[in-house]
Amino acid sequence: MFCVVAYIETFKKTILLRGNPGVVGFYKTFMQTLYQAFGRRYPVWAVSHAGHCNPPDAMDMVDDTYVTEARGVFGLQGQIEHKLAFLREHVHRETRLLLIGHSIGCYIILDMMRRDPGLKVLKSVLLFPTIERMAATPQGKVMTPVLCHLRYVAYVPIFLLSLLPNRLKACAVRWVMGGIRSLDHATIPATVSLISVDCAANAMFMGSQEMRMVLERDNATIRQNLNKLVFYYGATDHWCPVQYYHDIKRDFPSGDIRLCEKGLRHAFVLDAGKRMADMVTEWLHADLKEL
């Protein structure tokens, strides 16, 4: 699962993206493509999930209001509050929003809309949405015991790898990802940044909470905002099986709910960030004309 929080701010609109681990570097190509699509008229800003990367030394960190009590790491609910706090502090209340979520970012967006119905959301695009029964998915069945019970075992090799120079870390990442055709090399520095015990621990703890907390789909919020939502499901997504697409399509037949016909993977940022951004721009064409 990959995720990011980012926004494109205009005088009246904002676009947000998000998912796990929340390192914005994974979405560099995706965001650059959106920026180009908007004619370079609007800045693209990105905010990683709290605790998922090492911030610059001069940056003021958020206070510990949002830190999970357990082991001082950021959990799922804390991340949601962190994003709402970001909007409160940096985006004018009357700004109309275009929200784009990926993976767990889709769950975060729906929960933000539930918690703060006063948000001026124009449209939300939910890409490969992990918004229900995560632990019951093929990938969830594999990762739940790892994230919930065995994640500490991973800390030792991550610590040892963190001692390597960044150049050797990058070589190791390229070797591991060598089997991905058309790999977006912009994702390599983002992957290297995760070779840190603190960053990995926060991302894995958040993942363990996702397995325990992302259970039933929030039909009430979806129903209240159906005309504002676009869902995009993968045809071979082990985090969100095709059956979930059929289920939500059955429950909301009038909704804008699409099934991928491009063969894109759940972690599209690895090799298809530009293609995904081009599609999102096309879907939002009518809304973007007003920018």
C-alpha atoms as a PDB file:
ATOM      1  CA  MET A   1       0.000   0.000   0.000  1.00  0.00           C
ATOM      2  CA  PHE A   2       1.332   3.388  -0.909  1.00  0.00           C
ATOM      3  CA  CYS A   3      -0.077   6.714   0.012  1.00  0.00           C
ATOM      4  CA  VAL A   4       0.463  10.406   0.094  1.00  0.00           C
ATOM      5  CA  VAL A   5      -1.208  13.571   1.113  1.00  0.00           C
ATOM      6  CA  ALA A   6      -0.913  16.351  -1.404  1.00  0.00           C
ATOM      7  CA  TYR A   7      -2.930  19.304  -2.508  1.00  0.00           C
ATOM      8  CA  ILE A   8      -3.193  21.685  -5.420  1.00  0.00           C
ATOM      9  CA  GLU A   9      -4.529  24.978  -4.128  1.00  0.00           C
ATOM     10  CA  THR A  10      -6.221  27.633  -6.209  1.00  0.00           C
ATOM     11  CA  PHE A  11      -8.294  30.573  -5.130  1.00  0.00           C
ATOM     12  CA  LYS A  12     -11.322  28.350  -4.742  1.00  0.00           C
ATOM     13  CA  LYS A  13     -10.268  24.709  -4.956  1.00  0.00           C
ATOM     14  CA  THR A  14      -7.877  22.203  -3.419  1.00  0.00           C
ATOM     15  CA  ILE A  15      -6.848  18.662  -4.450  1.00  0.00           C
ATOM     16  CA  LEU A  16      -5.673  16.149  -1.877  1.00  0.00           C
ATOM     17  CA  LEU A  17      -4.044  12.732  -2.343  1.00  0.00           C
ATOM     18  CA  ARG A  18      -3.181  10.091   0.195  1.00  0.00           C
ATOM     19  CA  GLY A  19      -2.395   6.268   1.228  1.00  0.00           C
ATOM     20  CA  ASN A  20       0.501   3.807   3.326  1.00  0.00           C
ATOM     21  CA  PRO A  21       3.459   4.222   3.598  1.00  0.00           C
ATOM     22  CA  GLY A  22       2.797   7.922   3.247  1.00  0.00           C
ATOM     23  CA  VAL A  23       5.923   9.177   1.492  1.00  0.00           C
ATOM     24  CA  VAL A  24       5.190  11.793  -1.161  1.00  0.00           C
ATOM     25  CA  GLY A  25       8.180  10.805  -3.280  1.00  0.00           C
ATOM     26  CA  PHE A  26       6.255   7.800  -4.574  1.00  0.00           C
ATOM     27  CA  TYR A  27       3.788  10.204  -6.204  1.00  0.00           C
ATOM     28  CA  LYS A  28       6.270  12.578  -7.822  1.00  0.00           C
ATOM     29  CA  THR A  29       5.408  11.599 -11.414  1.00  0.00           C
ATOM     30  CA  PHE A  30       1.693  11.461 -10.628  1.00  0.00           C
ATOM     31  CA  MET A  31       1.719  14.979  -9.173  1.00  0.00           C
ATOM     32  CA  GLN A  32       3.953  16.408 -11.902  1.00  0.00           C
ATOM     33  CA  THR A  33       1.541  15.092 -14.523  1.00  0.00           C
ATOM     34  CA  LEU A  34      -1.397  16.721 -12.751  1.00  0.00           C
ATOM     35  CA  TYR A  35       0.555  19.973 -12.535  1.00  0.00           C
ATOM     36  CA  GLN A  36       1.209  19.873 -16.284  1.00  0.00           C
ATOM     37  CA  ALA A  37      -2.440  19.034 -16.983  1.00  0.00           C
ATOM     38  CA  PHE A  38      -3.493  22.186 -15.143  1.00  0.00           C
ATOM     39  CA  GLY A  39      -1.285  24.275 -17.421  1.00  0.00           C
ATOM     40  CA  ARG A  40       1.245  24.939 -14.654  1.00  0.00           C
ATOM     41  CA  ARG A  41      -1.116  27.549 -13.303  1.00  0.00           C
ATOM     42  CA  TYR A  42      -1.496  26.068  -9.835  1.00  0.00           C
ATOM     43  CA  PRO A  43       1.142  24.904  -7.329  1.00  0.00           C
ATOM     44  CA  VAL A  44       1.174  21.285  -6.178  1.00  0.00           C
ATOM     45  CA  TRP A  45       1.984  20.823  -2.484  1.00  0.00           C
ATOM     46  CA  ALA A  46       2.607  17.477  -0.770  1.00  0.00           C
ATOM     47  CA  VAL A  47       2.481  16.379   2.884  1.00  0.00           C
ATOM     48  CA  SER A  48       3.649  12.922   3.957  1.00  0.00           C
ATOM     49  CA  HIS A  49       1.925  10.910   6.661  1.00  0.00           C
ATOM     50  CA  ALA A  50       3.182  11.961  10.068  1.00  0.00           C
ATOM     51  CA  GLY A  51       6.089   9.774  11.128  1.00  0.00           C
ATOM     52  CA  HIS A  52       6.540   8.068   7.748  1.00  0.00           C
ATOM     53  CA  CYS A  53       9.568  10.128   6.760  1.00  0.00           C
ATOM     54  CA  ASN A  54      12.256  12.221   8.392  1.00  0.00           C
ATOM     55  CA  PRO A  55      11.259  15.901   8.182  1.00  0.00           C
ATOM     56  CA  PRO A  56      13.802  18.670   7.587  1.00  0.00           C
ATOM     57  CA  ASP A  57      15.566  19.754  10.780  1.00  0.00           C
ATOM     58  CA  ALA A  58      14.063  23.253  10.569  1.00  0.00           C
ATOM     59  CA  MET A  59      10.468  22.025  10.262  1.00  0.00           C
ATOM     60  CA  ASP A  60       8.182  22.356  13.264  1.00  0.00           C
ATOM     61  CA  MET A  61       6.465  19.057  13.996  1.00  0.00           C
ATOM     62  CA  VAL A  62       2.811  18.751  15.020  1.00  0.00           C
ATOM     63  CA  ASP A  63       2.245  18.406  18.746  1.00  0.00           C
ATOM     64  CA  ASP A  64       1.673  14.997  20.282  1.00  0.00           C
ATOM     65  CA  THR A  65      -2.125  15.372  20.244  1.00  0.00           C
ATOM     66  CA  TYR A  66      -2.210  13.078  17.237  1.00  0.00           C
ATOM     67  CA  VAL A  67       0.389  10.570  18.446  1.00  0.00           C
ATOM     68  CA  THR A  68      -0.969   7.142  19.278  1.00  0.00           C
ATOM     69  CA  GLU A  69      -0.491   6.361  22.948  1.00  0.00           C
ATOM     70  CA  ALA A  70       1.032   2.970  22.139  1.00  0.00           C
ATOM     71  CA  ARG A  71       4.788   3.365  21.627  1.00  0.00           C
ATOM     72  CA  GLY A  72       4.508   6.981  20.521  1.00  0.00           C
ATOM     73  CA  VAL A  73       3.758   6.171  16.897  1.00  0.00           C
ATOM     74  CA  PHE A  74       1.040   7.547  14.652  1.00  0.00           C
ATOM     75  CA  GLY A  75      -2.015   5.344  14.178  1.00  0.00           C
ATOM     76  CA  LEU A  76      -4.821   5.429  11.646  1.00  0.00           C
ATOM     77  CA  GLN A  77      -7.130   7.711  13.643  1.00  0.00           C
ATOM     78  CA  GLY A  78      -4.262  10.062  14.425  1.00  0.00           C
ATOM     79  CA  GLN A  79      -3.401  10.305  10.730  1.00  0.00           C
ATOM     80  CA  ILE A  80      -6.983  11.250   9.898  1.00  0.00           C
ATOM     81  CA  GLU A  81      -6.934  14.002  12.526  1.00  0.00           C
ATOM     82  CA  HIS A  82      -3.524  15.081  11.236  1.00  0.00           C
ATOM     83  CA  LYS A  83      -4.984  15.665   7.748  1.00  0.00           C
ATOM     84  CA  LEU A  84      -8.004  17.534   9.114  1.00  0.00           C
ATOM     85  CA  ALA A  85      -5.642  19.698  11.164  1.00  0.00           C
ATOM     86  CA  PHE A  86      -3.626  20.386   8.013  1.00  0.00           C
ATOM     87  CA  LEU A  87      -6.751  21.651   6.248  1.00  0.00           C
ATOM     88  CA  ARG A  88      -7.776  23.771   9.235  1.00  0.00           C
ATOM     89  CA  GLU A  89      -4.349  25.386   9.495  1.00  0.00           C
ATOM     90  CA  HIS A  90      -3.439  25.883   5.834  1.00  0.00           C
ATOM     91  CA  VAL A  91      -6.613  25.942   3.694  1.00  0.00           C
ATOM     92  CA  HIS A  92      -9.331  28.564   3.924  1.00  0.00           C
ATOM     93  CA  ARG A  93     -12.587  27.116   5.216  1.00  0.00           C
ATOM     94  CA  GLU A  94     -14.556  28.226   2.139  1.00  0.00           C
ATOM     95  CA  THR A  95     -12.093  26.618  -0.308  1.00  0.00           C
ATOM     96  CA  ARG A  96     -13.785  24.068  -2.559  1.00  0.00           C
ATOM     97  CA  LEU A  97     -11.904  20.775  -2.531  1.00  0.00           C
ATOM     98  CA  LEU A  98     -11.034  18.119  -5.070  1.00  0.00           C
ATOM     99  CA  LEU A  99      -9.882  15.066  -3.101  1.00  0.00           C
ATOM    100  CA  ILE A 100      -7.872  12.231  -4.655  1.00  0.00           C
ATOM    101  CA  GLY A 101      -7.174   9.213  -2.484  1.00  0.00           C
ATOM    102  CA  HIS A 102      -5.199   6.026  -3.079  1.00  0.00           C
ATOM    103  CA  SER A 103      -5.475   2.801  -1.091  1.00  0.00           C
ATOM    104  CA  ILE A 104      -5.990   3.598   2.623  1.00  0.00           C
ATOM    105  CA  GLY A 105      -6.142   7.239   1.572  1.00  0.00           C
ATOM    106  CA  CYS A 106      -9.645   6.511   0.289  1.00  0.00           C
ATOM    107  CA  TYR A 107     -10.699   5.379   3.764  1.00  0.00           C
ATOM    108  CA  ILE A 108      -9.139   8.530   5.208  1.00  0.00           C
ATOM    109  CA  ILE A 109     -11.041  10.739   2.758  1.00  0.00           C
ATOM    110  CA  LEU A 110     -14.398   9.118   3.535  1.00  0.00           C
ATOM    111  CA  ASP A 111     -13.758   9.470   7.254  1.00  0.00           C
ATOM    112  CA  MET A 112     -12.759  13.109   6.840  1.00  0.00           C
ATOM    113  CA  MET A 113     -16.023  13.740   5.000  1.00  0.00           C
ATOM    114  CA  ARG A 114     -17.920  11.968   7.775  1.00  0.00           C
ATOM    115  CA  ARG A 115     -16.189  13.855  10.582  1.00  0.00           C
ATOM    116  CA  ASP A 116     -16.413  17.256   8.934  1.00  0.00           C
ATOM    117  CA  PRO A 117     -19.476  17.420   6.648  1.00  0.00           C
ATOM    118  CA  GLY A 118     -18.842  21.154   6.301  1.00  0.00           C
ATOM    119  CA  LEU A 119     -15.852  20.565   4.003  1.00  0.00           C
ATOM    120  CA  LYS A 120     -16.544  22.103   0.580  1.00  0.00           C
ATOM    121  CA  VAL A 121     -15.873  18.901  -1.363  1.00  0.00           C
ATOM    122  CA  LEU A 122     -16.530  19.261  -5.077  1.00  0.00           C
ATOM    123  CA  LYS A 123     -15.358  15.754  -6.049  1.00  0.00           C
ATOM    124  CA  SER A 124     -13.440  12.847  -4.504  1.00  0.00           C
ATOM    125  CA  VAL A 125     -11.616  10.284  -6.658  1.00  0.00           C
ATOM    126  CA  LEU A 126     -10.872   7.042  -4.792  1.00  0.00           C
ATOM    127  CA  LEU A 127      -8.170   4.931  -6.485  1.00  0.00           C
ATOM    128  CA  PHE A 128      -7.872   1.241  -5.596  1.00  0.00           C
ATOM    129  CA  PRO A 129      -9.921   1.914  -2.450  1.00  0.00           C
ATOM    130  CA  THR A 130      -9.169  -0.139   0.654  1.00  0.00           C
ATOM    131  CA  ILE A 131     -12.303   0.936   2.487  1.00  0.00           C
ATOM    132  CA  GLU A 132     -13.610  -2.398   3.801  1.00  0.00           C
ATOM    133  CA  ARG A 133     -12.644  -5.870   5.075  1.00  0.00           C
ATOM    134  CA  MET A 134      -8.916  -5.388   4.579  1.00  0.00           C
ATOM    135  CA  ALA A 135      -7.871  -8.340   6.731  1.00  0.00           C
ATOM    136  CA  ALA A 136     -10.141 -10.650   4.690  1.00  0.00           C
ATOM    137  CA  THR A 137      -8.465  -9.827   1.353  1.00  0.00           C
ATOM    138  CA  PRO A 138      -5.835 -12.183  -0.145  1.00  0.00           C
ATOM    139  CA  GLN A 139      -3.044  -9.742   0.730  1.00  0.00           C
ATOM    140  CA  GLY A 140      -4.611  -8.962   4.087  1.00  0.00           C
ATOM    141  CA  LYS A 141      -4.605 -12.616   5.107  1.00  0.00           C
ATOM    142  CA  VAL A 142      -0.857 -12.715   4.488  1.00  0.00           C
ATOM    143  CA  MET A 143       0.011  -9.350   6.002  1.00  0.00           C
ATOM    144  CA  THR A 144      -2.257  -9.316   9.079  1.00  0.00           C
ATOM    145  CA  PRO A 145      -0.116 -11.712  11.172  1.00  0.00           C
ATOM    146  CA  VAL A 146       3.039  -9.980   9.943  1.00  0.00           C
ATOM    147  CA  LEU A 147       1.838  -6.457  10.774  1.00  0.00           C
ATOM    148  CA  CYS A 148      -0.019  -7.326  13.964  1.00  0.00           C
ATOM    149  CA  HIS A 149       2.348  -9.854  15.564  1.00  0.00           C
ATOM    150  CA  LEU A 150       5.645 -10.198  13.691  1.00  0.00           C
ATOM    151  CA  ARG A 151       6.550  -6.668  12.629  1.00  0.00           C
ATOM    152  CA  TYR A 152       9.193  -6.377  15.353  1.00  0.00           C
ATOM    153  CA  VAL A 153      11.179  -9.115  13.630  1.00  0.00           C
ATOM    154  CA  ALA A 154      11.627  -6.784  10.654  1.00  0.00           C
ATOM    155  CA  TYR A 155      13.231  -4.051  12.736  1.00  0.00           C
ATOM    156  CA  VAL A 156      16.616  -5.784  13.003  1.00  0.00           C
ATOM    157  CA  PRO A 157      17.275  -6.142   9.237  1.00  0.00           C
ATOM    158  CA  ILE A 158      15.884  -2.639   8.650  1.00  0.00           C
ATOM    159  CA  PHE A 159      18.269  -1.274  11.290  1.00  0.00           C
ATOM    160  CA  LEU A 160      21.227  -3.067   9.696  1.00  0.00           C
ATOM    161  CA  LEU A 161      20.277  -1.794   6.244  1.00  0.00           C
ATOM    162  CA  SER A 162      19.896   1.727   7.616  1.00  0.00           C
ATOM    163  CA  LEU A 163      23.613   1.699   8.455  1.00  0.00           C
ATOM    164  CA  LEU A 164      24.529   1.438   4.763  1.00  0.00           C
ATOM    165  CA  PRO A 165      25.392   4.536   2.715  1.00  0.00           C
ATOM    166  CA  ASN A 166      22.465   5.823   0.662  1.00  0.00           C
ATOM    167  CA  ARG A 167      24.251   4.824  -2.538  1.00  0.00           C
ATOM    168  CA  LEU A 168      24.291   1.158  -1.468  1.00  0.00           C
ATOM    169  CA  LYS A 169      20.703   1.377  -0.256  1.00  0.00           C
ATOM    170  CA  ALA A 170      19.651   2.665  -3.678  1.00  0.00           C
ATOM    171  CA  CYS A 171      21.520  -0.193  -5.379  1.00  0.00           C
ATOM    172  CA  ALA A 172      19.724  -2.706  -3.153  1.00  0.00           C
ATOM    173  CA  VAL A 173      16.347  -1.126  -3.947  1.00  0.00           C
ATOM    174  CA  ARG A 174      17.060  -1.207  -7.700  1.00  0.00           C
ATOM    175  CA  TRP A 175      17.995  -4.877  -7.427  1.00  0.00           C
ATOM    176  CA  VAL A 176      14.811  -5.762  -5.510  1.00  0.00           C
ATOM    177  CA  MET A 177      12.634  -3.819  -7.965  1.00  0.00           C
ATOM    178  CA  GLY A 178      14.521  -5.013 -11.022  1.00  0.00           C
ATOM    179  CA  GLY A 179      11.627  -7.235 -12.081  1.00  0.00           C
ATOM    180  CA  ILE A 180       9.238  -4.301 -12.552  1.00  0.00           C
ATOM    181  CA  ARG A 181       9.089  -3.261 -16.182  1.00  0.00           C
ATOM    182  CA  SER A 182       9.015   0.480 -16.811  1.00  0.00           C
ATOM    183  CA  LEU A 183       9.893   1.151 -13.177  1.00  0.00           C
ATOM    184  CA  ASP A 184       9.525   4.823 -12.319  1.00  0.00           C
ATOM    185  CA  HIS A 185      12.984   5.595 -10.944  1.00  0.00           C
ATOM    186  CA  ALA A 186      11.562   8.566  -9.046  1.00  0.00           C
ATOM    187  CA  THR A 187      10.226   6.002  -6.551  1.00  0.00           C
ATOM    188  CA  ILE A 188      13.704   4.748  -5.635  1.00  0.00           C
ATOM    189  CA  PRO A 189      14.635   7.665  -3.306  1.00  0.00           C
ATOM    190  CA  ALA A 190      11.218   7.319  -1.639  1.00  0.00           C
ATOM    191  CA  THR A 191      11.856   3.618  -1.006  1.00  0.00           C
ATOM    192  CA  VAL A 192      15.333   4.365   0.339  1.00  0.00           C
ATOM    193  CA  SER A 193      13.824   6.861   2.786  1.00  0.00           C
ATOM    194  CA  LEU A 194      11.792   4.029   4.321  1.00  0.00           C
ATOM    195  CA  ILE A 195      14.960   2.172   5.341  1.00  0.00           C
ATOM    196  CA  SER A 196      14.721   3.695   8.801  1.00  0.00           C
ATOM    197  CA  VAL A 197      13.485   1.912  11.908  1.00  0.00           C
ATOM    198  CA  ASP A 198      11.374   4.882  13.036  1.00  0.00           C
ATOM    199  CA  CYS A 199       9.729   5.402   9.636  1.00  0.00           C
ATOM    200  CA  ALA A 200       9.144   1.684   9.058  1.00  0.00           C
ATOM    201  CA  ALA A 201       7.782   1.210  12.588  1.00  0.00           C
ATOM    202  CA  ASN A 202       5.240   4.007  12.145  1.00  0.00           C
ATOM    203  CA  ALA A 203       4.134   2.739   8.728  1.00  0.00           C
ATOM    204  CA  MET A 204       3.841  -0.866   9.934  1.00  0.00           C
ATOM    205  CA  PHE A 205       1.968   0.116  13.103  1.00  0.00           C
ATOM    206  CA  MET A 206      -0.496   2.110  11.027  1.00  0.00           C
ATOM    207  CA  GLY A 207      -0.831  -0.951   8.771  1.00  0.00           C
ATOM    208  CA  SER A 208      -1.615  -3.166  11.763  1.00  0.00           C
ATOM    209  CA  GLN A 209      -4.376  -0.772  12.778  1.00  0.00           C
ATOM    210  CA  GLU A 210      -5.778  -0.843   9.255  1.00  0.00           C
ATOM    211  CA  MET A 211      -6.129  -4.625   9.469  1.00  0.00           C
ATOM    212  CA  ARG A 212      -8.042  -4.314  12.741  1.00  0.00           C
ATOM    213  CA  MET A 213     -10.099  -1.187  12.058  1.00  0.00           C
ATOM    214  CA  VAL A 214     -11.012  -1.179   8.351  1.00  0.00           C
ATOM    215  CA  LEU A 215     -13.956  -3.543   8.588  1.00  0.00           C
ATOM    216  CA  GLU A 216     -17.375  -2.649   7.189  1.00  0.00           C
ATOM    217  CA  ARG A 217     -17.773  -0.175   4.349  1.00  0.00           C
ATOM    218  CA  ASP A 218     -19.135   3.230   5.453  1.00  0.00           C
ATOM    219  CA  ASN A 219     -22.307   3.072   3.368  1.00  0.00           C
ATOM    220  CA  ALA A 220     -23.908   6.012   5.168  1.00  0.00           C
ATOM    221  CA  THR A 221     -21.133   8.447   4.164  1.00  0.00           C
ATOM    222  CA  ILE A 222     -21.023   7.044   0.635  1.00  0.00           C
ATOM    223  CA  ARG A 223     -24.787   7.413   0.270  1.00  0.00           C
ATOM    224  CA  GLN A 224     -24.724  11.010   1.525  1.00  0.00           C
ATOM    225  CA  ASN A 225     -21.924  11.955  -0.906  1.00  0.00           C
ATOM    226  CA  LEU A 226     -22.510   9.570  -3.815  1.00  0.00           C
ATOM    227  CA  ASN A 227     -22.712  12.315  -6.446  1.00  0.00           C
ATOM    228  CA  LYS A 228     -19.281  13.593  -5.340  1.00  0.00           C
ATOM    229  CA  LEU A 229     -17.477  10.225  -5.460  1.00  0.00           C
ATOM    230  CA  VAL A 230     -15.598   8.380  -8.219  1.00  0.00           C
ATOM    231  CA  PHE A 231     -14.399   4.862  -7.402  1.00  0.00           C
ATOM    232  CA  TYR A 232     -11.684   3.082  -9.408  1.00  0.00           C
ATOM    233  CA  TYR A 233     -11.147  -0.612  -8.620  1.00  0.00           C
ATOM    234  CA  GLY A 234      -8.318  -2.828  -9.852  1.00  0.00           C
ATOM    235  CA  ALA A 235      -9.050  -5.955 -11.873  1.00  0.00           C
ATOM    236  CA  THR A 236      -6.212  -7.871 -10.165  1.00  0.00           C
ATOM    237  CA  ASP A 237      -5.968  -6.088  -6.831  1.00  0.00           C
ATOM    238  CA  HIS A 238      -5.110  -8.392  -3.924  1.00  0.00           C
ATOM    239  CA  TRP A 239      -5.865  -5.613  -1.434  1.00  0.00           C
ATOM    240  CA  CYS A 240      -9.318  -5.045  -2.892  1.00  0.00           C
ATOM    241  CA  PRO A 241     -10.740  -8.072  -4.770  1.00  0.00           C
ATOM    242  CA  VAL A 242     -13.001  -7.638  -7.780  1.00  0.00           C
ATOM    243  CA  GLN A 243     -15.832  -9.013  -5.644  1.00  0.00           C
ATOM    244  CA  TYR A 244     -15.687  -5.797  -3.624  1.00  0.00           C
ATOM    245  CA  TYR A 245     -16.258  -3.864  -6.858  1.00  0.00           C
ATOM    246  CA  HIS A 246     -19.292  -6.004  -7.693  1.00  0.00           C
ATOM    247  CA  ASP A 247     -20.624  -5.602  -4.136  1.00  0.00           C
ATOM    248  CA  ILE A 248     -20.454  -1.809  -4.097  1.00  0.00           C
ATOM    249  CA  LYS A 249     -21.752  -1.620  -7.672  1.00  0.00           C
ATOM    250  CA  ARG A 250     -24.758  -3.661  -6.574  1.00  0.00           C
ATOM    251  CA  ASP A 251     -25.345  -1.524  -3.471  1.00  0.00           C
ATOM    252  CA  PHE A 252     -24.917   1.790  -5.326  1.00  0.00           C
ATOM    253  CA  PRO A 253     -25.981   1.153  -8.951  1.00  0.00           C
ATOM    254  CA  SER A 254     -26.179   4.883  -9.742  1.00  0.00           C
ATOM    255  CA  GLY A 255     -22.680   5.614  -8.462  1.00  0.00           C
ATOM    256  CA  ASP A 256     -19.637   6.411 -10.635  1.00  0.00           C
ATOM    257  CA  ILE A 257     -17.857   3.104  -9.924  1.00  0.00           C
ATOM    258  CA  ARG A 258     -15.283   1.885 -12.453  1.00  0.00           C
ATOM    259  CA  LEU A 259     -13.230  -1.279 -12.947  1.00  0.00           C
ATOM    260  CA  CYS A 260      -9.701  -0.936 -14.315  1.00  0.00           C
ATOM    261  CA  GLU A 261      -9.314  -2.065 -17.920  1.00  0.00           C
ATOM    262  CA  LYS A 262      -5.665  -0.982 -18.209  1.00  0.00           C
ATOM    263  CA  GLY A 263      -4.064  -3.750 -16.178  1.00  0.00           C
ATOM    264  CA  LEU A 264      -2.744  -1.309 -13.562  1.00  0.00           C
ATOM    265  CA  ARG A 265      -1.412  -2.682 -10.296  1.00  0.00           C
ATOM    266  CA  HIS A 266      -2.522  -1.513  -6.844  1.00  0.00           C
ATOM    267  CA  ALA A 267       0.833   0.256  -6.396  1.00  0.00           C
ATOM    268  CA  PHE A 268       0.412   2.099  -9.696  1.00  0.00           C
ATOM    269  CA  VAL A 269       2.984   4.682  -8.641  1.00  0.00           C
ATOM    270  CA  LEU A 270       5.767   2.175  -9.351  1.00  0.00           C
ATOM    271  CA  ASP A 271       5.252   2.161 -13.111  1.00  0.00           C
ATOM    272  CA  ALA A 272       2.054   3.956 -14.130  1.00  0.00           C
ATOM    273  CA  GLY A 273       1.892   7.269 -12.278  1.00  0.00           C
ATOM    274  CA  LYS A 274       1.575   9.272 -15.488  1.00  0.00           C
ATOM    275  CA  ARG A 275      -1.108   7.018 -16.980  1.00  0.00           C
ATOM    276  CA  MET A 276      -3.145   7.200 -13.786  1.00  0.00           C
ATOM    277  CA  ALA A 277      -2.852  10.986 -13.600  1.00  0.00           C
ATOM    278  CA  ASP A 278      -3.925  11.309 -17.236  1.00  0.00           C
ATOM    279  CA  MET A 279      -7.056   9.272 -16.488  1.00  0.00           C
ATOM    280  CA  VAL A 280      -7.881  11.260 -13.357  1.00  0.00           C
ATOM    281  CA  THR A 281      -7.498  14.512 -15.303  1.00  0.00           C
ATOM    282  CA  GLU A 282      -9.918  13.212 -17.930  1.00  0.00           C
ATOM    283  CA  TRP A 283     -12.485  12.225 -15.296  1.00  0.00           C
ATOM    284  CA  LEU A 284     -12.258  15.647 -13.670  1.00  0.00           C
ATOM    285  CA  HIS A 285     -12.311  17.565 -16.936  1.00  0.00           C
ATOM    286  CA  ALA A 286     -15.704  19.179 -16.322  1.00  0.00           C
ATOM    287  CA  ASP A 287     -14.740  20.222 -12.782  1.00  0.00           C
ATOM    288  CA  LEU A 288     -11.294  21.446 -13.809  1.00  0.00           C
ATOM    289  CA  LYS A 289     -12.747  23.759 -16.467  1.00  0.00           C
ATOM    290  CA  GLU A 290     -13.948  25.911 -13.589  1.00  0.00           C
ATOM    291  CA  LEU A 291     -10.433  26.343 -12.151  1.00  0.00           C
END
